[in-house]
Every structure is written in C-alpha cells, then in structure tokens.
C-alpha cells in the first residue's frame, strides 16, 4: 500500500502531509474492499461506495486508488453516473468474487 497516494497532487504541502499521518488507511481500505466484494460482479463506483459507507470523497477515492495501484481491484470499462451525472468508473475485484472468500477479506 502506498504511503501517500496524493503526494504528487499536493506536492508535499505541510498540512496535507500532516493529514496523511492521521488517516486510518488500513481500516478505510478494509471497509472499501469489503464493500466492493459485497457488490459482486456488478461492482461499484467510488461514488457509490462513498454513499454506502458514509465516507468523504477524498478518503474513499484515495483508498480506491491504493487498491487499483496494488492490483486488488480493476476498472470494468463501464461507468455509472454520480449525483451530478458525471460518469464514474465501475470497479470489481481483480480476482473473481467467487474466488475470494469473506474469510480472506480484512476484518472491518
């Protein structure tokens, strides 16, 4: 898992560096992964996960980026609209859902 997935974006801004130290990345990552797993083959978008999990966009988006960079989830090439009508990429587990048991998922 990346230390700071947004470092290139914020360029080392001191407040962003401090905020990164206070995140609960492992817990948030586990929650996002559990949710994507629960969506099965239909997958979910980051926006849908934000709503379902009650997460802020910045948190959920960063965990989606971590999971993509680590090869745990992949985009399907499909999109679904957000609340503003913008297209959001649908993601699924990189391994078929049937091949990943709930026991393999991190505890939430």
PDB file of N, CA and C in Angstrom:
ATOM      1  N   UNK A   1       0.853  -1.174   0.000  1.00  0.00           N
ATOM      2  CA  UNK A   1       0.000   0.000   0.000  1.00  0.00           C
ATOM      3  C   UNK A   1       0.898   1.237   0.000  1.00  0.00           C
ATOM      4  N   UNK A   2       0.554   2.192  -0.793  1.00  0.00           N
ATOM      5  CA  UNK A   2       1.316   3.430  -0.905  1.00  0.00           C
ATOM      6  C   UNK A   2       1.248   4.211   0.386  1.00  0.00           C
ATOM      7  N   UNK A   3       2.323   4.936   0.687  1.00  0.00           N
ATOM      8  CA  UNK A   3       2.327   5.764   1.886  1.00  0.00           C
ATOM      9  C   UNK A   3       1.403   6.957   1.739  1.00  0.00           C
ATOM     10  N   UNK A   4       1.508   7.682   0.627  1.00  0.00           N
ATOM     11  CA  UNK A   4       0.662   8.850   0.397  1.00  0.00           C
ATOM     12  C   UNK A   4       0.302   8.906  -1.079  1.00  0.00           C
ATOM     13  N   UNK A   5      -0.839   8.375  -1.399  1.00  0.00           N
ATOM     14  CA  UNK A   5      -1.283   8.264  -2.792  1.00  0.00           C
ATOM     15  C   UNK A   5      -1.478   9.628  -3.439  1.00  0.00           C
ATOM     16  N   UNK A   6      -1.666  10.674  -2.631  1.00  0.00           N
ATOM     17  CA  UNK A   6      -1.934  12.006  -3.174  1.00  0.00           C
ATOM     18  C   UNK A   6      -0.725  12.936  -3.145  1.00  0.00           C
ATOM     19  N   UNK A   7       0.445  12.425  -2.819  1.00  0.00           N
ATOM     20  CA  UNK A   7       1.632  13.287  -2.704  1.00  0.00           C
ATOM     21  C   UNK A   7       1.917  14.064  -3.993  1.00  0.00           C
ATOM     22  N   UNK A   8       1.787  13.409  -5.133  1.00  0.00           N
ATOM     23  CA  UNK A   8       2.024  14.117  -6.401  1.00  0.00           C
ATOM     24  C   UNK A   8       1.029  15.251  -6.591  1.00  0.00           C
ATOM     25  N   UNK A   9      -0.176  15.066  -6.082  1.00  0.00           N
ATOM     26  CA  UNK A   9      -1.210  16.087  -6.223  1.00  0.00           C
ATOM     27  C   UNK A   9      -0.933  17.291  -5.329  1.00  0.00           C
ATOM     28  N   UNK A  10      -0.625  17.030  -4.046  1.00  0.00           N
ATOM     29  CA  UNK A  10      -0.441  18.153  -3.121  1.00  0.00           C
ATOM     30  C   UNK A  10       0.996  18.657  -3.042  1.00  0.00           C
ATOM     31  N   UNK A  11       1.929  17.936  -3.654  1.00  0.00           N
ATOM     32  CA  UNK A  11       3.308  18.404  -3.752  1.00  0.00           C
ATOM     33  C   UNK A  11       4.027  18.600  -2.427  1.00  0.00           C
ATOM     34  N   UNK A  12       3.629  17.867  -1.393  1.00  0.00           N
ATOM     35  CA  UNK A  12       4.306  17.977  -0.112  1.00  0.00           C
ATOM     36  C   UNK A  12       3.803  19.104   0.764  1.00  0.00           C
ATOM     37  N   UNK A  13       2.632  19.638   0.454  1.00  0.00           N
ATOM     38  CA  UNK A  13       2.034  20.684   1.285  1.00  0.00           C
ATOM     39  C   UNK A  13       2.040  20.214   2.743  1.00  0.00           C
ATOM     40  N   UNK A  14       2.582  21.023   3.671  1.00  0.00           N
ATOM     41  CA  UNK A  14       2.724  20.589   5.070  1.00  0.00           C
ATOM     42  C   UNK A  14       1.408  20.138   5.724  1.00  0.00           C
ATOM     43  N   UNK A  15       0.308  20.826   5.432  1.00  0.00           N
ATOM     44  CA  UNK A  15      -0.963  20.434   6.022  1.00  0.00           C
ATOM     45  C   UNK A  15      -1.426  19.086   5.475  1.00  0.00           C
ATOM     46  N   UNK A  16      -1.193  18.850   4.203  1.00  0.00           N
ATOM     47  CA  UNK A  16      -1.570  17.573   3.600  1.00  0.00           C
ATOM     48  C   UNK A  16      -0.709  16.436   4.134  1.00  0.00           C
ATOM     49  N   UNK A  17       0.568  16.702   4.346  1.00  0.00           N
ATOM     50  CA  UNK A  17       1.470  15.692   4.913  1.00  0.00           C
ATOM     51  C   UNK A  17       0.991  15.313   6.312  1.00  0.00           C
ATOM     52  N   UNK A  18       0.635  16.301   7.125  1.00  0.00           N
ATOM     53  CA  UNK A  18       0.133  16.040   8.481  1.00  0.00           C
ATOM     54  C   UNK A  18      -1.191  15.279   8.437  1.00  0.00           C
ATOM     55  N   UNK A  19      -2.077  15.678   7.543  1.00  0.00           N
ATOM     56  CA  UNK A  19      -3.367  14.997   7.421  1.00  0.00           C
ATOM     57  C   UNK A  19      -3.157  13.532   7.044  1.00  0.00           C
ATOM     58  N   UNK A  20      -2.199  13.265   6.167  1.00  0.00           N
ATOM     59  CA  UNK A  20      -1.903  11.894   5.755  1.00  0.00           C
ATOM     60  C   UNK A  20      -1.485  11.030   6.941  1.00  0.00           C
ATOM     61  N   UNK A  21      -0.768  11.615   7.879  1.00  0.00           N
ATOM     62  CA  UNK A  21      -0.311  10.871   9.063  1.00  0.00           C
ATOM     63  C   UNK A  21      -1.471  10.474   9.966  1.00  0.00           C
ATOM     64  N   UNK A  22      -2.560  11.223   9.912  1.00  0.00           N
ATOM     65  CA  UNK A  22      -3.696  10.968  10.807  1.00  0.00           C
ATOM     66  C   UNK A  22      -4.761  10.056  10.198  1.00  0.00           C
ATOM     67  N   UNK A  23      -4.569   9.600   8.982  1.00  0.00           N
ATOM     68  CA  UNK A  23      -5.597   8.777   8.338  1.00  0.00           C
ATOM     69  C   UNK A  23      -5.623   7.368   8.915  1.00  0.00           C
ATOM     70  N   UNK A  24      -6.744   6.714   8.716  1.00  0.00           N
ATOM     71  CA  UNK A  24      -6.930   5.313   9.128  1.00  0.00           C
ATOM     72  C   UNK A  24      -6.948   4.459   7.866  1.00  0.00           C
ATOM     73  N   UNK A  25      -5.857   4.487   7.139  1.00  0.00           N
ATOM     74  CA  UNK A  25      -5.816   3.844   5.826  1.00  0.00           C
ATOM     75  C   UNK A  25      -6.199   2.377   5.857  1.00  0.00           C
ATOM     76  N   UNK A  26      -5.641   1.629   6.788  1.00  0.00           N
ATOM     77  CA  UNK A  26      -5.921   0.188   6.823  1.00  0.00           C
ATOM     78  C   UNK A  26      -7.391  -0.093   7.072  1.00  0.00           C
ATOM     79  N   UNK A  27      -7.975   0.610   8.022  1.00  0.00           N
ATOM     80  CA  UNK A  27      -9.399   0.419   8.315  1.00  0.00           C
ATOM     81  C   UNK A  27     -10.268   0.846   7.140  1.00  0.00           C
ATOM     82  N   UNK A  28      -9.963   2.005   6.584  1.00  0.00           N
ATOM     83  CA  UNK A  28     -10.753   2.500   5.458  1.00  0.00           C
ATOM     84  C   UNK A  28     -10.600   1.600   4.241  1.00  0.00           C
ATOM     85  N   UNK A  29      -9.392   1.133   3.998  1.00  0.00           N
ATOM     86  CA  UNK A  29      -9.140   0.228   2.877  1.00  0.00           C
ATOM     87  C   UNK A  29      -9.952  -1.054   3.051  1.00  0.00           C
ATOM     88  N   UNK A  30      -9.966  -1.579   4.261  1.00  0.00           N
ATOM     89  CA  UNK A  30     -10.711  -2.802   4.541  1.00  0.00           C
ATOM     90  C   UNK A  30     -12.210  -2.593   4.313  1.00  0.00           C
ATOM     91  N   UNK A  31     -12.732  -1.464   4.740  1.00  0.00           N
ATOM     92  CA  UNK A  31     -14.156  -1.171   4.549  1.00  0.00           C
ATOM     93  C   UNK A  31     -14.499  -1.078   3.062  1.00  0.00           C
ATOM     94  N   UNK A  32     -13.652  -0.383   2.302  1.00  0.00           N
ATOM     95  CA  UNK A  32     -13.893  -0.237   0.858  1.00  0.00           C
ATOM     96  C   UNK A  32     -13.802  -1.594   0.171  1.00  0.00           C
ATOM     97  N   UNK A  33     -12.795  -2.365   0.504  1.00  0.00           N
ATOM     98  CA  UNK A  33     -12.627  -3.685  -0.105  1.00  0.00           C
ATOM     99  C   UNK A  33     -13.815  -4.590   0.214  1.00  0.00           C
ATOM    100  N   UNK A  34     -14.259  -4.578   1.451  1.00  0.00           N
ATOM    101  CA  UNK A  34     -15.426  -5.382   1.848  1.00  0.00           C
ATOM    102  C   UNK A  34     -16.652  -4.972   1.033  1.00  0.00           C
ATOM    103  N   UNK A  35     -16.820  -3.676   0.846  1.00  0.00           N
ATOM    104  CA  UNK A  35     -17.982  -3.199   0.088  1.00  0.00           C
ATOM    105  C   UNK A  35     -17.902  -3.642  -1.372  1.00  0.00           C
ATOM    106  N   UNK A  36     -16.747  -3.488  -1.987  1.00  0.00           N
ATOM    107  CA  UNK A  36     -16.594  -3.907  -3.386  1.00  0.00           C
ATOM    108  C   UNK A  36     -16.863  -5.404  -3.508  1.00  0.00           C
ATOM    109  N   UNK A  37     -16.342  -6.180  -2.566  1.00  0.00           N
ATOM    110  CA  UNK A  37     -16.587  -7.626  -2.559  1.00  0.00           C
ATOM    111  C   UNK A  37     -18.082  -7.908  -2.485  1.00  0.00           C
ATOM    112  N   UNK A  38     -18.785  -7.171  -1.625  1.00  0.00           N
ATOM    113  CA  UNK A  38     -20.215  -7.419  -1.436  1.00  0.00           C
ATOM    114  C   UNK A  38     -21.041  -7.063  -2.674  1.00  0.00           C
ATOM    115  N   UNK A  39     -20.499  -6.229  -3.550  1.00  0.00           N
ATOM    116  CA  UNK A  39     -21.211  -5.846  -4.776  1.00  0.00           C
ATOM    117  C   UNK A  39     -21.105  -6.908  -5.860  1.00  0.00           C
ATOM    118  N   UNK A  40     -20.198  -7.851  -5.683  1.00  0.00           N
ATOM    119  CA  UNK A  40     -20.067  -8.953  -6.634  1.00  0.00           C
ATOM    120  C   UNK A  40     -19.703  -8.481  -8.030  1.00  0.00           C
ATOM    121  N   UNK A  41     -20.254  -9.182  -9.019  1.00  0.00           N
ATOM    122  CA  UNK A  41     -19.929  -8.900 -10.422  1.00  0.00           C
ATOM    123  C   UNK A  41     -20.421  -7.540 -10.904  1.00  0.00           C
ATOM    124  N   UNK A  42     -21.440  -6.995 -10.248  1.00  0.00           N
ATOM    125  CA  UNK A  42     -21.947  -5.687 -10.682  1.00  0.00           C
ATOM    126  C   UNK A  42     -20.986  -4.572 -10.292  1.00  0.00           C
ATOM    127  N   UNK A  43     -20.078  -4.862  -9.351  1.00  0.00           N
ATOM    128  CA  UNK A  43     -19.088  -3.879  -8.944  1.00  0.00           C
ATOM    129  C   UNK A  43     -19.702  -2.632  -8.351  1.00  0.00           C
ATOM    130  N   UNK A  44     -18.874  -1.634  -8.169  1.00  0.00           N
ATOM    131  CA  UNK A  44     -19.368  -0.352  -7.672  1.00  0.00           C
ATOM    132  C   UNK A  44     -18.414   0.753  -8.097  1.00  0.00           C
ATOM    133  N   UNK A  45     -18.920   1.937  -8.041  1.00  0.00           N
ATOM    134  CA  UNK A  45     -18.097   3.112  -8.311  1.00  0.00           C
ATOM    135  C   UNK A  45     -17.626   3.679  -6.983  1.00  0.00           C
ATOM    136  N   UNK A  46     -16.643   4.526  -7.040  1.00  0.00           N
ATOM    137  CA  UNK A  46     -16.186   5.192  -5.832  1.00  0.00           C
ATOM    138  C   UNK A  46     -17.332   5.994  -5.227  1.00  0.00           C
ATOM    139  N   UNK A  47     -18.084   6.661  -6.069  1.00  0.00           N
ATOM    140  CA  UNK A  47     -19.214   7.451  -5.592  1.00  0.00           C
ATOM    141  C   UNK A  47     -20.214   6.567  -4.838  1.00  0.00           C
ATOM    142  N   UNK A  48     -20.535   5.411  -5.402  1.00  0.00           N
ATOM    143  CA  UNK A  48     -21.484   4.507  -4.752  1.00  0.00           C
ATOM    144  C   UNK A  48     -20.946   4.029  -3.406  1.00  0.00           C
ATOM    145  N   UNK A  49     -19.640   3.740  -3.353  1.00  0.00           N
ATOM    146  CA  UNK A  49     -19.023   3.311  -2.094  1.00  0.00           C
ATOM    147  C   UNK A  49     -19.060   4.439  -1.059  1.00  0.00           C
ATOM    148  N   UNK A  50     -18.801   5.660  -1.498  1.00  0.00           N
ATOM    149  CA  UNK A  50     -18.861   6.816  -0.580  1.00  0.00           C
ATOM    150  C   UNK A  50     -20.219   6.876   0.102  1.00  0.00           C
ATOM    151  N   UNK A  51     -21.280   6.755  -0.697  1.00  0.00           N
ATOM    152  CA  UNK A  51     -22.644   6.834  -0.174  1.00  0.00           C
ATOM    153  C   UNK A  51     -22.925   5.664   0.770  1.00  0.00           C
ATOM    154  N   UNK A  52     -22.622   4.458   0.311  1.00  0.00           N
ATOM    155  CA  UNK A  52     -22.911   3.259   1.102  1.00  0.00           C
ATOM    156  C   UNK A  52     -22.152   3.227   2.425  1.00  0.00           C
ATOM    157  N   UNK A  53     -20.917   3.722   2.406  1.00  0.00           N
ATOM    158  CA  UNK A  53     -20.070   3.648   3.591  1.00  0.00           C
ATOM    159  C   UNK A  53     -20.060   4.931   4.417  1.00  0.00           C
ATOM    160  N   UNK A  54     -20.676   5.975   3.895  1.00  0.00           N
ATOM    161  CA  UNK A  54     -20.669   7.254   4.611  1.00  0.00           C
ATOM    162  C   UNK A  54     -19.281   7.859   4.693  1.00  0.00           C
ATOM    163  N   UNK A  55     -18.476   7.648   3.663  1.00  0.00           N
ATOM    164  CA  UNK A  55     -17.104   8.169   3.629  1.00  0.00           C
ATOM    165  C   UNK A  55     -17.039   9.469   2.854  1.00  0.00           C
ATOM    166  N   UNK A  56     -16.100  10.291   3.217  1.00  0.00           N
ATOM    167  CA  UNK A  56     -15.820  11.501   2.450  1.00  0.00           C
ATOM    168  C   UNK A  56     -15.192  11.080   1.119  1.00  0.00           C
ATOM    169  N   UNK A  57     -15.414  11.896   0.098  1.00  0.00           N
ATOM    170  CA  UNK A  57     -14.878  11.579  -1.224  1.00  0.00           C
ATOM    171  C   UNK A  57     -13.362  11.412  -1.190  1.00  0.00           C
ATOM    172  N   UNK A  58     -12.655  12.316  -0.520  1.00  0.00           N
ATOM    173  CA  UNK A  58     -11.195  12.269  -0.509  1.00  0.00           C
ATOM    174  C   UNK A  58     -10.684  10.955   0.076  1.00  0.00           C
ATOM    175  N   UNK A  59     -11.335  10.480   1.110  1.00  0.00           N
ATOM    176  CA  UNK A  59     -10.922   9.233   1.753  1.00  0.00           C
ATOM    177  C   UNK A  59     -11.193   8.038   0.853  1.00  0.00           C
ATOM    178  N   UNK A  60     -12.408   7.958   0.354  1.00  0.00           N
ATOM    179  CA  UNK A  60     -12.800   6.808  -0.461  1.00  0.00           C
ATOM    180  C   UNK A  60     -12.006   6.758  -1.769  1.00  0.00           C
ATOM    181  N   UNK A  61     -11.841   7.902  -2.396  1.00  0.00           N
ATOM    182  CA  UNK A  61     -11.100   7.974  -3.654  1.00  0.00           C
ATOM    183  C   UNK A  61      -9.646   7.535  -3.466  1.00  0.00           C
ATOM    184  N   UNK A  62      -9.039   7.952  -2.369  1.00  0.00           N
ATOM    185  CA  UNK A  62      -7.651   7.553  -2.107  1.00  0.00           C
ATOM    186  C   UNK A  62      -7.541   6.051  -1.894  1.00  0.00           C
ATOM    187  N   UNK A  63      -8.512   5.455  -1.210  1.00  0.00           N
ATOM    188  CA  UNK A  63      -8.470   4.004  -0.993  1.00  0.00           C
ATOM    189  C   UNK A  63      -8.733   3.250  -2.294  1.00  0.00           C
ATOM    190  N   UNK A  64      -9.620   3.753  -3.155  1.00  0.00           N
ATOM    191  CA  UNK A  64      -9.811   3.142  -4.473  1.00  0.00           C
ATOM    192  C   UNK A  64      -8.487   3.191  -5.248  1.00  0.00           C
ATOM    193  N   UNK A  65      -7.809   4.326  -5.200  1.00  0.00           N
ATOM    194  CA  UNK A  65      -6.518   4.459  -5.902  1.00  0.00           C
ATOM    195  C   UNK A  65      -5.498   3.474  -5.362  1.00  0.00           C
ATOM    196  N   UNK A  66      -5.418   3.332  -4.027  1.00  0.00           N
ATOM    197  CA  UNK A  66      -4.497   2.359  -3.419  1.00  0.00           C
ATOM    198  C   UNK A  66      -4.806   0.956  -3.923  1.00  0.00           C
ATOM    199  N   UNK A  67      -6.076   0.581  -3.873  1.00  0.00           N
ATOM    200  CA  UNK A  67      -6.474  -0.773  -4.279  1.00  0.00           C
ATOM    201  C   UNK A  67      -6.204  -1.024  -5.755  1.00  0.00           C
ATOM    202  N   UNK A  68      -6.403  -0.017  -6.595  1.00  0.00           N
ATOM    203  CA  UNK A  68      -6.085  -0.155  -8.026  1.00  0.00           C
ATOM    204  C   UNK A  68      -4.578  -0.302  -8.222  1.00  0.00           C
ATOM    205  N   UNK A  69      -3.814   0.571  -7.587  1.00  0.00           N
ATOM    206  CA  UNK A  69      -2.349   0.527  -7.735  1.00  0.00           C
ATOM    207  C   UNK A  69      -1.768  -0.791  -7.250  1.00  0.00           C
ATOM    208  N   UNK A  70      -2.408  -1.394  -6.261  1.00  0.00           N
ATOM    209  CA  UNK A  70      -1.935  -2.669  -5.716  1.00  0.00           C
ATOM    210  C   UNK A  70      -2.488  -3.875  -6.481  1.00  0.00           C
ATOM    211  N   UNK A  71      -3.296  -3.617  -7.514  1.00  0.00           N
ATOM    212  CA  UNK A  71      -3.832  -4.700  -8.337  1.00  0.00           C
ATOM    213  C   UNK A  71      -4.943  -5.498  -7.683  1.00  0.00           C
ATOM    214  N   UNK A  72      -5.543  -4.960  -6.624  1.00  0.00           N
ATOM    215  CA  UNK A  72      -6.601  -5.668  -5.915  1.00  0.00           C
ATOM    216  C   UNK A  72      -7.943  -5.480  -6.614  1.00  0.00           C
ATOM    217  N   UNK A  73      -8.173  -4.273  -7.164  1.00  0.00           N
ATOM    218  CA  UNK A  73      -9.391  -4.007  -7.927  1.00  0.00           C
ATOM    219  C   UNK A  73      -9.006  -3.510  -9.314  1.00  0.00           C
ATOM    220  N   UNK A  74      -9.935  -3.666 -10.242  1.00  0.00           N
ATOM    221  CA  UNK A  74      -9.724  -3.199 -11.614  1.00  0.00           C
ATOM    222  C   UNK A  74     -10.991  -2.508 -12.112  1.00  0.00           C
ATOM    223  N   UNK A  75     -10.810  -1.619 -13.053  1.00  0.00           N
ATOM    224  CA  UNK A  75     -11.953  -0.987 -13.706  1.00  0.00           C
ATOM    225  C   UNK A  75     -12.530  -1.941 -14.731  1.00  0.00           C
ATOM    226  N   UNK A  76     -13.842  -1.881 -14.909  1.00  0.00           N
ATOM    227  CA  UNK A  76     -14.511  -2.786 -15.852  1.00  0.00           C
ATOM    228  C   UNK A  76     -14.639  -2.179 -17.247  1.00  0.00           C
ATOM    229  N   UNK A  77     -14.367  -0.879 -17.355  1.00  0.00           N
ATOM    230  CA  UNK A  77     -14.594  -0.197 -18.622  1.00  0.00           C
ATOM    231  C   UNK A  77     -16.002   0.372 -18.712  1.00  0.00           C
ATOM    232  N   UNK A  78     -16.829   0.049 -17.732  1.00  0.00           N
ATOM    233  CA  UNK A  78     -18.186   0.589 -17.668  1.00  0.00           C
ATOM    234  C   UNK A  78     -18.204   1.779 -16.713  1.00  0.00           C
ATOM    235  N   UNK A  79     -19.203   2.628 -16.889  1.00  0.00           N
ATOM    236  CA  UNK A  79     -19.380   3.752 -15.971  1.00  0.00           C
ATOM    237  C   UNK A  79     -20.839   3.804 -15.532  1.00  0.00           C
ATOM    238  N   UNK A  80     -21.049   4.453 -14.387  1.00  0.00           N
ATOM    239  CA  UNK A  80     -22.385   4.766 -13.907  1.00  0.00           C
ATOM    240  C   UNK A  80     -22.350   6.216 -13.434  1.00  0.00           C
ATOM    241  N   UNK A  81     -23.476   6.915 -13.533  1.00  0.00           N
ATOM    242  CA  UNK A  81     -23.466   8.336 -13.187  1.00  0.00           C
ATOM    243  C   UNK A  81     -23.410   8.604 -11.685  1.00  0.00           C
ATOM    244  N   UNK A  82     -22.730   9.698 -11.338  1.00  0.00           N
ATOM    245  CA  UNK A  82     -22.748  10.193  -9.964  1.00  0.00           C
ATOM    246  C   UNK A  82     -24.004  11.039  -9.790  1.00  0.00           C
ATOM    247  N   UNK A  83     -24.145  11.669  -8.647  1.00  0.00           N
ATOM    248  CA  UNK A  83     -25.315  12.514  -8.398  1.00  0.00           C
ATOM    249  C   UNK A  83     -25.357  13.727  -9.315  1.00  0.00           C
ATOM    250  N   UNK A  84     -24.204  14.112  -9.864  1.00  0.00           N
ATOM    251  CA  UNK A  84     -24.177  15.252 -10.786  1.00  0.00           C
ATOM    252  C   UNK A  84     -24.284  14.826 -12.241  1.00  0.00           C
ATOM    253  N   UNK A  85     -24.375  13.513 -12.466  1.00  0.00           N
ATOM    254  CA  UNK A  85     -24.472  12.998 -13.826  1.00  0.00           C
ATOM    255  C   UNK A  85     -23.130  12.692 -14.461  1.00  0.00           C
ATOM    256  N   UNK A  86     -22.042  12.934 -13.735  1.00  0.00           N
ATOM    257  CA  UNK A  86     -20.712  12.626 -14.270  1.00  0.00           C
ATOM    258  C   UNK A  86     -20.496  11.115 -14.297  1.00  0.00           C
ATOM    259  N   UNK A  87     -19.797  10.624 -15.318  1.00  0.00           N
ATOM    260  CA  UNK A  87     -19.551   9.177 -15.374  1.00  0.00           C
ATOM    261  C   UNK A  87     -18.481   8.770 -14.362  1.00  0.00           C
ATOM    262  N   UNK A  88     -18.759   7.707 -13.625  1.00  0.00           N
ATOM    263  CA  UNK A  88     -17.803   7.171 -12.649  1.00  0.00           C
ATOM    264  C   UNK A  88     -17.491   5.730 -13.032  1.00  0.00           C
ATOM    265  N   UNK A  89     -16.226   5.385 -12.986  1.00  0.00           N
ATOM    266  CA  UNK A  89     -15.787   4.042 -13.378  1.00  0.00           C
ATOM    267  C   UNK A  89     -16.291   2.978 -12.403  1.00  0.00           C
ATOM    268  N   UNK A  90     -16.790   1.888 -12.941  1.00  0.00           N
ATOM    269  CA  UNK A  90     -17.216   0.746 -12.136  1.00  0.00           C
ATOM    270  C   UNK A  90     -15.998  -0.137 -11.905  1.00  0.00           C
ATOM    271  N   UNK A  91     -15.776  -0.517 -10.657  1.00  0.00           N
ATOM    272  CA  UNK A  91     -14.641  -1.370 -10.301  1.00  0.00           C
ATOM    273  C   UNK A  91     -15.118  -2.674  -9.692  1.00  0.00           C
ATOM    274  N   UNK A  92     -14.325  -3.713  -9.905  1.00  0.00           N
ATOM    275  CA  UNK A  92     -14.581  -5.034  -9.337  1.00  0.00           C
ATOM    276  C   UNK A  92     -13.265  -5.565  -8.776  1.00  0.00           C
ATOM    277  N   UNK A  93     -13.353  -6.666  -8.046  1.00  0.00           N
ATOM    278  CA  UNK A  93     -12.135  -7.316  -7.577  1.00  0.00           C
ATOM    279  C   UNK A  93     -11.350  -7.835  -8.773  1.00  0.00           C
ATOM    280  N   UNK A  94     -10.040  -7.785  -8.682  1.00  0.00           N
ATOM    281  CA  UNK A  94      -9.199  -8.288  -9.775  1.00  0.00           C
ATOM    282  C   UNK A  94      -9.340  -9.799  -9.909  1.00  0.00           C
ATOM    283  N   UNK A  95      -9.534 -10.482  -8.794  1.00  0.00           N
ATOM    284  CA  UNK A  95      -9.831 -11.913  -8.808  1.00  0.00           C
ATOM    285  C   UNK A  95     -11.342 -12.063  -8.806  1.00  0.00           C
ATOM    286  N   UNK A  96     -11.877 -13.065  -9.467  1.00  0.00           N
ATOM    287  CA  UNK A  96     -13.326 -13.244  -9.458  1.00  0.00           C
ATOM    288  C   UNK A  96     -13.861 -13.315  -8.027  1.00  0.00           C
ATOM    289  N   UNK A  97     -15.026 -12.703  -7.816  1.00  0.00           N
ATOM    290  CA  UNK A  97     -15.631 -12.677  -6.487  1.00  0.00           C
ATOM    291  C   UNK A  97     -15.752 -14.074  -5.908  1.00  0.00           C
ATOM    292  N   UNK A  98     -16.091 -15.033  -6.743  1.00  0.00           N
ATOM    293  CA  UNK A  98     -16.251 -16.403  -6.258  1.00  0.00           C
ATOM    294  C   UNK A  98     -14.936 -16.993  -5.769  1.00  0.00           C
ATOM    295  N   UNK A  99     -13.809 -16.431  -6.224  1.00  0.00           N
ATOM    296  CA  UNK A  99     -12.509 -16.941  -5.818  1.00  0.00           C
ATOM    297  C   UNK A  99     -12.015 -16.288  -4.530  1.00  0.00           C
ATOM    298  N   UNK A 100     -12.697 -15.257  -4.082  1.00  0.00           N
ATOM    299  CA  UNK A 100     -12.311 -14.566  -2.854  1.00  0.00           C
ATOM    300  C   UNK A 100     -13.382 -14.827  -1.814  1.00  0.00           C
ATOM    301  N   UNK A 101     -12.997 -15.492  -0.753  1.00  0.00           N
ATOM    302  CA  UNK A 101     -13.968 -15.767   0.300  1.00  0.00           C
ATOM    303  C   UNK A 101     -13.965 -14.613   1.293  1.00  0.00           C
ATOM    304  N   UNK A 102     -15.041 -14.501   2.038  1.00  0.00           N
ATOM    305  CA  UNK A 102     -15.126 -13.434   3.032  1.00  0.00           C
ATOM    306  C   UNK A 102     -14.016 -13.594   4.064  1.00  0.00           C
ATOM    307  N   UNK A 103     -13.604 -14.818   4.326  1.00  0.00           N
ATOM    308  CA  UNK A 103     -12.540 -15.063   5.294  1.00  0.00           C
ATOM    309  C   UNK A 103     -11.217 -14.435   4.855  1.00  0.00           C
ATOM    310  N   UNK A 104     -11.027 -14.255   3.540  1.00  0.00           N
ATOM    311  CA  UNK A 104      -9.792 -13.646   3.027  1.00  0.00           C
ATOM    312  C   UNK A 104      -9.790 -12.129   3.156  1.00  0.00           C
ATOM    313  N   UNK A 105     -10.977 -11.560   3.335  1.00  0.00           N
ATOM    314  CA  UNK A 105     -11.068 -10.108   3.430  1.00  0.00           C
ATOM    315  C   UNK A 105     -10.595  -9.640   4.790  1.00  0.00           C
ATOM    316  N   UNK A 106     -10.009  -8.452   4.845  1.00  0.00           N
ATOM    317  CA  UNK A 106      -9.586  -7.930   6.149  1.00  0.00           C
ATOM    318  C   UNK A 106     -10.804  -7.689   7.023  1.00  0.00           C
ATOM    319  N   UNK A 107     -10.597  -7.846   8.317  1.00  0.00           N
ATOM    320  CA  UNK A 107     -11.680  -7.558   9.260  1.00  0.00           C
ATOM    321  C   UNK A 107     -11.983  -6.072   9.233  1.00  0.00           C
ATOM    322  N   UNK A 108     -13.245  -5.756   9.250  1.00  0.00           N
ATOM    323  CA  UNK A 108     -13.658  -4.355   9.225  1.00  0.00           C
ATOM    324  C   UNK A 108     -13.886  -3.872  10.626  1.00  0.00           C
TER     325      UNK A 108
END
